[in-house]
């Protein structure tokens, strides 16, 4: 095969590839600054340390609250399966 034919094949594959479109879109977004990353990391560490001292009932309450938020977002995207619906329980 000659070089032009190979280039043409590769070019067609790149245009069809969804992956390359996602990569192009993600590379257009600027990277977060090191300062922002440090603040986010410190905030996550603070939350983690606060959660360690919580009683089990509060941890379960937070988990159920987050599960309901997640399921509501998922339900907007597609119909839920029977096993994806959260139980109606209170901690």
PDB file of N, CA and C in Angstrom:
ATOM      1  N   UNK A   1       0.837  -1.186   0.000  1.00  0.00           N
ATOM      2  CA  UNK A   1       0.000   0.000   0.000  1.00  0.00           C
ATOM      3  C   UNK A   1       0.879   1.246   0.000  1.00  0.00           C
ATOM      4  N   UNK A   2       0.392   2.244  -0.678  1.00  0.00           N
ATOM      5  CA  UNK A   2       1.194   3.465  -0.679  1.00  0.00           C
ATOM      6  C   UNK A   2       0.797   4.366   0.497  1.00  0.00           C
ATOM      7  N   UNK A   3       1.595   5.357   0.735  1.00  0.00           N
ATOM      8  CA  UNK A   3       1.425   6.241   1.887  1.00  0.00           C
ATOM      9  C   UNK A   3       0.114   7.015   1.826  1.00  0.00           C
ATOM     10  N   UNK A   4      -0.303   7.486   0.635  1.00  0.00           N
ATOM     11  CA  UNK A   4      -1.542   8.261   0.496  1.00  0.00           C
ATOM     12  C   UNK A   4      -2.763   7.422   0.874  1.00  0.00           C
ATOM     13  N   UNK A   5      -2.747   6.155   0.464  1.00  0.00           N
ATOM     14  CA  UNK A   5      -3.860   5.270   0.784  1.00  0.00           C
ATOM     15  C   UNK A   5      -3.945   5.035   2.287  1.00  0.00           C
ATOM     16  N   UNK A   6      -2.812   4.813   2.921  1.00  0.00           N
ATOM     17  CA  UNK A   6      -2.802   4.628   4.376  1.00  0.00           C
ATOM     18  C   UNK A   6      -3.280   5.877   5.098  1.00  0.00           C
ATOM     19  N   UNK A   7      -2.824   7.037   4.654  1.00  0.00           N
ATOM     20  CA  UNK A   7      -3.273   8.290   5.264  1.00  0.00           C
ATOM     21  C   UNK A   7      -4.778   8.473   5.107  1.00  0.00           C
ATOM     22  N   UNK A   8      -5.296   8.113   3.943  1.00  0.00           N
ATOM     23  CA  UNK A   8      -6.728   8.236   3.695  1.00  0.00           C
ATOM     24  C   UNK A   8      -7.526   7.305   4.615  1.00  0.00           C
ATOM     25  N   UNK A   9      -7.065   6.089   4.775  1.00  0.00           N
ATOM     26  CA  UNK A   9      -7.745   5.122   5.647  1.00  0.00           C
ATOM     27  C   UNK A   9      -7.731   5.611   7.093  1.00  0.00           C
ATOM     28  N   UNK A  10      -6.586   6.071   7.539  1.00  0.00           N
ATOM     29  CA  UNK A  10      -6.482   6.580   8.909  1.00  0.00           C
ATOM     30  C   UNK A  10      -7.370   7.805   9.117  1.00  0.00           C
ATOM     31  N   UNK A  11      -7.415   8.661   8.119  1.00  0.00           N
ATOM     32  CA  UNK A  11      -8.254   9.852   8.221  1.00  0.00           C
ATOM     33  C   UNK A  11      -9.729   9.476   8.338  1.00  0.00           C
ATOM     34  N   UNK A  12     -10.165   8.517   7.555  1.00  0.00           N
ATOM     35  CA  UNK A  12     -11.565   8.057   7.637  1.00  0.00           C
ATOM     36  C   UNK A  12     -11.861   7.425   8.992  1.00  0.00           C
ATOM     37  N   UNK A  13     -10.928   6.664   9.515  1.00  0.00           N
ATOM     38  CA  UNK A  13     -11.140   6.035  10.822  1.00  0.00           C
ATOM     39  C   UNK A  13     -11.252   7.092  11.912  1.00  0.00           C
ATOM     40  N   UNK A  14     -10.436   8.119  11.834  1.00  0.00           N
ATOM     41  CA  UNK A  14     -10.500   9.181  12.839  1.00  0.00           C
ATOM     42  C   UNK A  14     -11.829   9.916  12.785  1.00  0.00           C
ATOM     43  N   UNK A  15     -12.324  10.166  11.591  1.00  0.00           N
ATOM     44  CA  UNK A  15     -13.591  10.890  11.473  1.00  0.00           C
ATOM     45  C   UNK A  15     -14.757  10.069  11.995  1.00  0.00           C
ATOM     46  N   UNK A  16     -14.708   8.755  11.851  1.00  0.00           N
ATOM     47  CA  UNK A  16     -15.800   7.896  12.323  1.00  0.00           C
ATOM     48  C   UNK A  16     -15.738   7.645  13.817  1.00  0.00           C
ATOM     49  N   UNK A  17     -14.606   7.792  14.354  1.00  0.00           N
ATOM     50  CA  UNK A  17     -14.405   7.413  15.750  1.00  0.00           C
ATOM     51  C   UNK A  17     -15.074   8.392  16.706  1.00  0.00           C
ATOM     52  N   UNK A  18     -15.962   7.875  17.528  1.00  0.00           N
ATOM     53  CA  UNK A  18     -16.570   8.689  18.571  1.00  0.00           C
ATOM     54  C   UNK A  18     -15.522   9.065  19.602  1.00  0.00           C
ATOM     55  N   UNK A  19     -14.603   8.143  19.813  1.00  0.00           N
ATOM     56  CA  UNK A  19     -13.556   8.387  20.806  1.00  0.00           C
ATOM     57  C   UNK A  19     -12.750   9.621  20.447  1.00  0.00           C
ATOM     58  N   UNK A  20     -12.413   9.776  19.183  1.00  0.00           N
ATOM     59  CA  UNK A  20     -11.615  10.936  18.803  1.00  0.00           C
ATOM     60  C   UNK A  20     -12.404  12.227  18.991  1.00  0.00           C
ATOM     61  N   UNK A  21     -13.727  12.178  18.789  1.00  0.00           N
ATOM     62  CA  UNK A  21     -14.557  13.363  19.026  1.00  0.00           C
ATOM     63  C   UNK A  21     -14.555  13.729  20.503  1.00  0.00           C
ATOM     64  N   UNK A  22     -14.645  12.721  21.358  1.00  0.00           N
ATOM     65  CA  UNK A  22     -14.622  12.978  22.794  1.00  0.00           C
ATOM     66  C   UNK A  22     -13.270  13.532  23.222  1.00  0.00           C
ATOM     67  N   UNK A  23     -12.209  12.993  22.648  1.00  0.00           N
ATOM     68  CA  UNK A  23     -10.882  13.495  22.988  1.00  0.00           C
ATOM     69  C   UNK A  23     -10.713  14.940  22.539  1.00  0.00           C
ATOM     70  N   UNK A  24     -11.216  15.254  21.355  1.00  0.00           N
ATOM     71  CA  UNK A  24     -11.102  16.623  20.851  1.00  0.00           C
ATOM     72  C   UNK A  24     -11.884  17.585  21.740  1.00  0.00           C
ATOM     73  N   UNK A  25     -13.066  17.169  22.182  1.00  0.00           N
ATOM     74  CA  UNK A  25     -13.882  18.028  23.043  1.00  0.00           C
ATOM     75  C   UNK A  25     -13.228  18.214  24.409  1.00  0.00           C
ATOM     76  N   UNK A  26     -12.659  17.151  24.951  1.00  0.00           N
ATOM     77  CA  UNK A  26     -12.058  17.259  26.278  1.00  0.00           C
ATOM     78  C   UNK A  26     -10.746  18.028  26.235  1.00  0.00           C
ATOM     79  N   UNK A  27     -10.027  17.964  25.127  1.00  0.00           N
ATOM     80  CA  UNK A  27      -8.765  18.692  25.066  1.00  0.00           C
ATOM     81  C   UNK A  27      -8.985  20.189  24.877  1.00  0.00           C
ATOM     82  N   UNK A  28     -10.180  20.595  24.446  1.00  0.00           N
ATOM     83  CA  UNK A  28     -10.473  22.005  24.266  1.00  0.00           C
ATOM     84  C   UNK A  28     -10.716  22.693  25.610  1.00  0.00           C
ATOM     85  N   UNK A  29     -11.085  21.938  26.622  1.00  0.00           N
ATOM     86  CA  UNK A  29     -11.343  22.503  27.947  1.00  0.00           C
ATOM     87  C   UNK A  29     -10.019  22.779  28.646  1.00  0.00           C
ATOM     88  N   UNK A  30      -9.874  23.960  29.248  1.00  0.00           N
ATOM     89  CA  UNK A  30      -8.613  24.248  29.950  1.00  0.00           C
ATOM     90  C   UNK A  30      -8.475  23.395  31.210  1.00  0.00           C
ATOM     91  N   UNK A  31      -7.264  23.047  31.524  1.00  0.00           N
ATOM     92  CA  UNK A  31      -6.990  22.258  32.722  1.00  0.00           C
ATOM     93  C   UNK A  31      -7.180  23.126  33.961  1.00  0.00           C
ATOM     94  N   UNK A  32      -7.653  22.546  35.067  1.00  0.00           N
ATOM     95  CA  UNK A  32      -7.778  23.330  36.303  1.00  0.00           C
ATOM     96  C   UNK A  32      -6.395  23.727  36.819  1.00  0.00           C
ATOM     97  N   UNK A  33      -6.359  24.856  37.467  1.00  0.00           N
ATOM     98  CA  UNK A  33      -5.080  25.354  37.987  1.00  0.00           C
ATOM     99  C   UNK A  33      -4.635  24.505  39.176  1.00  0.00           C
ATOM    100  N   UNK A  34      -3.345  24.474  39.439  1.00  0.00           N
ATOM    101  CA  UNK A  34      -2.851  23.733  40.613  1.00  0.00           C
ATOM    102  C   UNK A  34      -3.462  24.258  41.912  1.00  0.00           C
ATOM    103  N   UNK A  35      -3.710  25.560  41.984  1.00  0.00           N
ATOM    104  CA  UNK A  35      -4.323  26.150  43.184  1.00  0.00           C
ATOM    105  C   UNK A  35      -5.729  25.586  43.403  1.00  0.00           C
ATOM    106  N   UNK A  36      -6.522  25.513  42.324  1.00  0.00           N
ATOM    107  CA  UNK A  36      -7.875  24.969  42.429  1.00  0.00           C
ATOM    108  C   UNK A  36      -7.827  23.500  42.841  1.00  0.00           C
ATOM    109  N   UNK A  37      -6.921  22.745  42.258  1.00  0.00           N
ATOM    110  CA  UNK A  37      -6.800  21.329  42.618  1.00  0.00           C
ATOM    111  C   UNK A  37      -6.427  21.158  44.088  1.00  0.00           C
ATOM    112  N   UNK A  38      -5.536  22.008  44.604  1.00  0.00           N
ATOM    113  CA  UNK A  38      -5.167  21.939  46.026  1.00  0.00           C
ATOM    114  C   UNK A  38      -6.369  22.230  46.922  1.00  0.00           C
ATOM    115  N   UNK A  39      -7.168  23.246  46.546  1.00  0.00           N
ATOM    116  CA  UNK A  39      -8.355  23.590  47.341  1.00  0.00           C
ATOM    117  C   UNK A  39      -9.380  22.465  47.323  1.00  0.00           C
ATOM    118  N   UNK A  40      -9.597  21.877  46.156  1.00  0.00           N
ATOM    119  CA  UNK A  40     -10.552  20.762  46.059  1.00  0.00           C
ATOM    120  C   UNK A  40     -10.077  19.575  46.892  1.00  0.00           C
ATOM    121  N   UNK A  41      -8.811  19.262  46.800  1.00  0.00           N
ATOM    122  CA  UNK A  41      -8.263  18.135  47.562  1.00  0.00           C
ATOM    123  C   UNK A  41      -8.397  18.390  49.063  1.00  0.00           C
ATOM    124  N   UNK A  42      -8.101  19.621  49.495  1.00  0.00           N
ATOM    125  CA  UNK A  42      -8.211  19.956  50.918  1.00  0.00           C
ATOM    126  C   UNK A  42      -9.666  19.885  51.381  1.00  0.00           C
ATOM    127  N   UNK A  43     -10.586  20.338  50.546  1.00  0.00           N
ATOM    128  CA  UNK A  43     -12.006  20.278  50.896  1.00  0.00           C
ATOM    129  C   UNK A  43     -12.505  18.850  51.027  1.00  0.00           C
ATOM    130  N   UNK A  44     -12.056  17.983  50.109  1.00  0.00           N
ATOM    131  CA  UNK A  44     -12.452  16.578  50.191  1.00  0.00           C
ATOM    132  C   UNK A  44     -11.896  15.926  51.451  1.00  0.00           C
ATOM    133  N   UNK A  45     -10.665  16.264  51.796  1.00  0.00           N
ATOM    134  CA  UNK A  45     -10.058  15.700  53.002  1.00  0.00           C
ATOM    135  C   UNK A  45     -10.812  16.154  54.244  1.00  0.00           C
ATOM    136  N   UNK A  46     -11.226  17.414  54.270  1.00  0.00           N
ATOM    137  CA  UNK A  46     -11.992  17.932  55.413  1.00  0.00           C
ATOM    138  C   UNK A  46     -13.307  17.189  55.550  1.00  0.00           C
ATOM    139  N   UNK A  47     -14.017  17.017  54.433  1.00  0.00           N
ATOM    140  CA  UNK A  47     -15.286  16.276  54.475  1.00  0.00           C
ATOM    141  C   UNK A  47     -15.080  14.841  54.943  1.00  0.00           C
ATOM    142  N   UNK A  48     -14.020  14.224  54.476  1.00  0.00           N
ATOM    143  CA  UNK A  48     -13.730  12.838  54.862  1.00  0.00           C
ATOM    144  C   UNK A  48     -13.497  12.741  56.369  1.00  0.00           C
ATOM    145  N   UNK A  49     -12.737  13.678  56.927  1.00  0.00           N
ATOM    146  CA  UNK A  49     -12.467  13.659  58.364  1.00  0.00           C
ATOM    147  C   UNK A  49     -13.742  13.923  59.170  1.00  0.00           C
ATOM    148  N   UNK A  50     -14.622  14.786  58.666  1.00  0.00           N
ATOM    149  CA  UNK A  50     -15.888  15.044  59.362  1.00  0.00           C
ATOM    150  C   UNK A  50     -16.771  13.801  59.360  1.00  0.00           C
ATOM    151  N   UNK A  51     -16.795  13.087  58.251  1.00  0.00           N
ATOM    152  CA  UNK A  51     -17.666  11.909  58.146  1.00  0.00           C
ATOM    153  C   UNK A  51     -17.195  10.762  59.026  1.00  0.00           C
ATOM    154  N   UNK A  52     -15.908  10.682  59.289  1.00  0.00           N
ATOM    155  CA  UNK A  52     -15.381   9.591  60.121  1.00  0.00           C
ATOM    156  C   UNK A  52     -16.010   9.614  61.500  1.00  0.00           C
ATOM    157  N   UNK A  53     -16.234  10.805  62.050  1.00  0.00           N
ATOM    158  CA  UNK A  53     -16.770  10.913  63.401  1.00  0.00           C
ATOM    159  C   UNK A  53     -18.280  10.827  63.493  1.00  0.00           C
ATOM    160  N   UNK A  54     -18.973  10.742  62.362  1.00  0.00           N
ATOM    161  CA  UNK A  54     -20.444  10.700  62.404  1.00  0.00           C
ATOM    162  C   UNK A  54     -20.950   9.362  62.912  1.00  0.00           C
ATOM    163  N   UNK A  55     -22.099   9.366  63.577  1.00  0.00           N
ATOM    164  CA  UNK A  55     -22.707   8.092  63.981  1.00  0.00           C
ATOM    165  C   UNK A  55     -23.224   7.347  62.737  1.00  0.00           C
ATOM    166  N   UNK A  56     -23.380   6.052  62.883  1.00  0.00           N
ATOM    167  CA  UNK A  56     -23.797   5.205  61.763  1.00  0.00           C
ATOM    168  C   UNK A  56     -25.132   5.654  61.179  1.00  0.00           C
ATOM    169  N   UNK A  57     -26.080   6.056  62.024  1.00  0.00           N
ATOM    170  CA  UNK A  57     -27.393   6.470  61.534  1.00  0.00           C
ATOM    171  C   UNK A  57     -27.284   7.666  60.587  1.00  0.00           C
ATOM    172  N   UNK A  58     -26.413   8.606  60.913  1.00  0.00           N
ATOM    173  CA  UNK A  58     -26.221   9.782  60.049  1.00  0.00           C
ATOM    174  C   UNK A  58     -25.549   9.396  58.737  1.00  0.00           C
ATOM    175  N   UNK A  59     -24.605   8.473  58.797  1.00  0.00           N
ATOM    176  CA  UNK A  59     -23.944   8.005  57.574  1.00  0.00           C
ATOM    177  C   UNK A  59     -24.952   7.335  56.642  1.00  0.00           C
ATOM    178  N   UNK A  60     -25.834   6.524  57.208  1.00  0.00           N
ATOM    179  CA  UNK A  60     -26.866   5.853  56.408  1.00  0.00           C
ATOM    180  C   UNK A  60     -27.838   6.874  55.832  1.00  0.00           C
ATOM    181  N   UNK A  61     -28.209   7.887  56.619  1.00  0.00           N
ATOM    182  CA  UNK A  61     -29.106   8.930  56.129  1.00  0.00           C
ATOM    183  C   UNK A  61     -28.490   9.656  54.938  1.00  0.00           C
ATOM    184  N   UNK A  62     -27.208  10.007  55.033  1.00  0.00           N
ATOM    185  CA  UNK A  62     -26.526  10.681  53.934  1.00  0.00           C
ATOM    186  C   UNK A  62     -26.441   9.787  52.701  1.00  0.00           C
ATOM    187  N   UNK A  63     -26.157   8.518  52.922  1.00  0.00           N
ATOM    188  CA  UNK A  63     -26.082   7.569  51.817  1.00  0.00           C
ATOM    189  C   UNK A  63     -27.419   7.479  51.081  1.00  0.00           C
ATOM    190  N   UNK A  64     -28.510   7.367  51.823  1.00  0.00           N
ATOM    191  CA  UNK A  64     -29.836   7.281  51.204  1.00  0.00           C
ATOM    192  C   UNK A  64     -30.185   8.576  50.469  1.00  0.00           C
ATOM    193  N   UNK A  65     -29.802   9.705  51.024  1.00  0.00           N
ATOM    194  CA  UNK A  65     -30.065  10.985  50.381  1.00  0.00           C
ATOM    195  C   UNK A  65     -29.315  11.066  49.043  1.00  0.00           C
ATOM    196  N   UNK A  66     -28.048  10.675  49.040  1.00  0.00           N
ATOM    197  CA  UNK A  66     -27.271  10.684  47.805  1.00  0.00           C
ATOM    198  C   UNK A  66     -27.821   9.688  46.784  1.00  0.00           C
ATOM    199  N   UNK A  67     -28.297   8.553  47.275  1.00  0.00           N
ATOM    200  CA  UNK A  67     -28.880   7.554  46.377  1.00  0.00           C
ATOM    201  C   UNK A  67     -30.130   8.112  45.699  1.00  0.00           C
ATOM    202  N   UNK A  68     -30.966   8.818  46.435  1.00  0.00           N
ATOM    203  CA  UNK A  68     -32.175   9.400  45.849  1.00  0.00           C
ATOM    204  C   UNK A  68     -31.819  10.466  44.811  1.00  0.00           C
ATOM    205  N   UNK A  69     -30.798  11.250  45.078  1.00  0.00           N
ATOM    206  CA  UNK A  69     -30.353  12.255  44.110  1.00  0.00           C
ATOM    207  C   UNK A  69     -29.867  11.569  42.835  1.00  0.00           C
ATOM    208  N   UNK A  70     -29.055  10.531  42.994  1.00  0.00           N
ATOM    209  CA  UNK A  70     -28.517   9.807  41.845  1.00  0.00           C
ATOM    210  C   UNK A  70     -29.635   9.179  41.011  1.00  0.00           C
ATOM    211  N   UNK A  71     -30.577   8.553  41.677  1.00  0.00           N
ATOM    212  CA  UNK A  71     -31.666   7.887  40.971  1.00  0.00           C
ATOM    213  C   UNK A  71     -32.526   8.912  40.229  1.00  0.00           C
ATOM    214  N   UNK A  72     -32.749  10.076  40.826  1.00  0.00           N
ATOM    215  CA  UNK A  72     -33.521  11.116  40.146  1.00  0.00           C
ATOM    216  C   UNK A  72     -32.812  11.574  38.875  1.00  0.00           C
ATOM    217  N   UNK A  73     -31.496  11.730  38.930  1.00  0.00           N
ATOM    218  CA  UNK A  73     -30.744  12.115  37.738  1.00  0.00           C
ATOM    219  C   UNK A  73     -30.767  11.015  36.684  1.00  0.00           C
ATOM    220  N   UNK A  74     -30.626   9.790  37.117  1.00  0.00           N
ATOM    221  CA  UNK A  74     -30.646   8.657  36.196  1.00  0.00           C
ATOM    222  C   UNK A  74     -32.005   8.513  35.529  1.00  0.00           C
ATOM    223  N   UNK A  75     -33.080   8.737  36.293  1.00  0.00           N
ATOM    224  CA  UNK A  75     -34.439   8.609  35.750  1.00  0.00           C
ATOM    225  C   UNK A  75     -34.720   9.648  34.671  1.00  0.00           C
ATOM    226  N   UNK A  76     -34.027  10.773  34.710  1.00  0.00           N
ATOM    227  CA  UNK A  76     -34.200  11.784  33.657  1.00  0.00           C
ATOM    228  C   UNK A  76     -33.571  11.333  32.343  1.00  0.00           C
ATOM    229  N   UNK A  77     -32.590  10.440  32.425  1.00  0.00           N
ATOM    230  CA  UNK A  77     -31.880   9.986  31.233  1.00  0.00           C
ATOM    231  C   UNK A  77     -32.541   8.789  30.564  1.00  0.00           C
ATOM    232  N   UNK A  78     -33.117   7.905  31.376  1.00  0.00           N
ATOM    233  CA  UNK A  78     -33.709   6.673  30.823  1.00  0.00           C
ATOM    234  C   UNK A  78     -34.652   6.063  31.845  1.00  0.00           C
ATOM    235  N   UNK A  79     -35.525   5.165  31.396  1.00  0.00           N
ATOM    236  CA  UNK A  79     -36.401   4.485  32.362  1.00  0.00           C
ATOM    237  C   UNK A  79     -35.576   3.599  33.302  1.00  0.00           C
ATOM    238  N   UNK A  80     -35.986   3.577  34.558  1.00  0.00           N
ATOM    239  CA  UNK A  80     -35.273   2.782  35.555  1.00  0.00           C
ATOM    240  C   UNK A  80     -35.718   1.328  35.520  1.00  0.00           C
ATOM    241  N   UNK A  81     -34.779   0.443  35.799  1.00  0.00           N
ATOM    242  CA  UNK A  81     -35.108  -0.966  35.982  1.00  0.00           C
ATOM    243  C   UNK A  81     -35.723  -1.121  37.375  1.00  0.00           C
ATOM    244  N   UNK A  82     -36.427  -2.193  37.592  1.00  0.00           N
ATOM    245  CA  UNK A  82     -37.073  -2.409  38.894  1.00  0.00           C
ATOM    246  C   UNK A  82     -36.047  -2.442  40.024  1.00  0.00           C
ATOM    247  N   UNK A  83     -34.906  -3.040  39.783  1.00  0.00           N
ATOM    248  CA  UNK A  83     -33.889  -3.159  40.836  1.00  0.00           C
ATOM    249  C   UNK A  83     -33.144  -1.850  41.075  1.00  0.00           C
ATOM    250  N   UNK A  84     -33.314  -0.854  40.217  1.00  0.00           N
ATOM    251  CA  UNK A  84     -32.625   0.425  40.393  1.00  0.00           C
ATOM    252  C   UNK A  84     -33.401   1.398  41.270  1.00  0.00           C
ATOM    253  N   UNK A  85     -34.649   1.114  41.543  1.00  0.00           N
ATOM    254  CA  UNK A  85     -35.449   2.018  42.360  1.00  0.00           C
ATOM    255  C   UNK A  85     -35.089   1.838  43.834  1.00  0.00           C
ATOM    256  N   UNK A  86     -34.804   2.938  44.525  1.00  0.00           N
ATOM    257  CA  UNK A  86     -34.410   2.798  45.939  1.00  0.00           C
ATOM    258  C   UNK A  86     -35.598   2.434  46.816  1.00  0.00           C
ATOM    259  N   UNK A  87     -35.313   1.787  47.907  1.00  0.00           N
ATOM    260  CA  UNK A  87     -36.354   1.457  48.873  1.00  0.00           C
ATOM    261  C   UNK A  87     -36.777   2.719  49.591  1.00  0.00           C
ATOM    262  N   UNK A  88     -38.009   2.741  49.973  1.00  0.00           N
ATOM    263  CA  UNK A  88     -38.542   3.885  50.732  1.00  0.00           C
ATOM    264  C   UNK A  88     -38.349   3.592  52.222  1.00  0.00           C
ATOM    265  N   UNK A  89     -37.127   3.836  52.690  1.00  0.00           N
ATOM    266  CA  UNK A  89     -36.787   3.557  54.093  1.00  0.00           C
ATOM    267  C   UNK A  89     -36.278   4.833  54.750  1.00  0.00           C
ATOM    268  N   UNK A  90     -36.418   4.889  56.049  1.00  0.00           N
ATOM    269  CA  UNK A  90     -35.891   6.007  56.834  1.00  0.00           C
ATOM    270  C   UNK A  90     -34.906   5.427  57.843  1.00  0.00           C
ATOM    271  N   UNK A  91     -33.741   6.038  57.978  1.00  0.00           N
ATOM    272  CA  UNK A  91     -32.769   5.497  58.949  1.00  0.00           C
ATOM    273  C   UNK A  91     -33.177   5.756  60.381  1.00  0.00           C
TER     274      UNK A  91
END
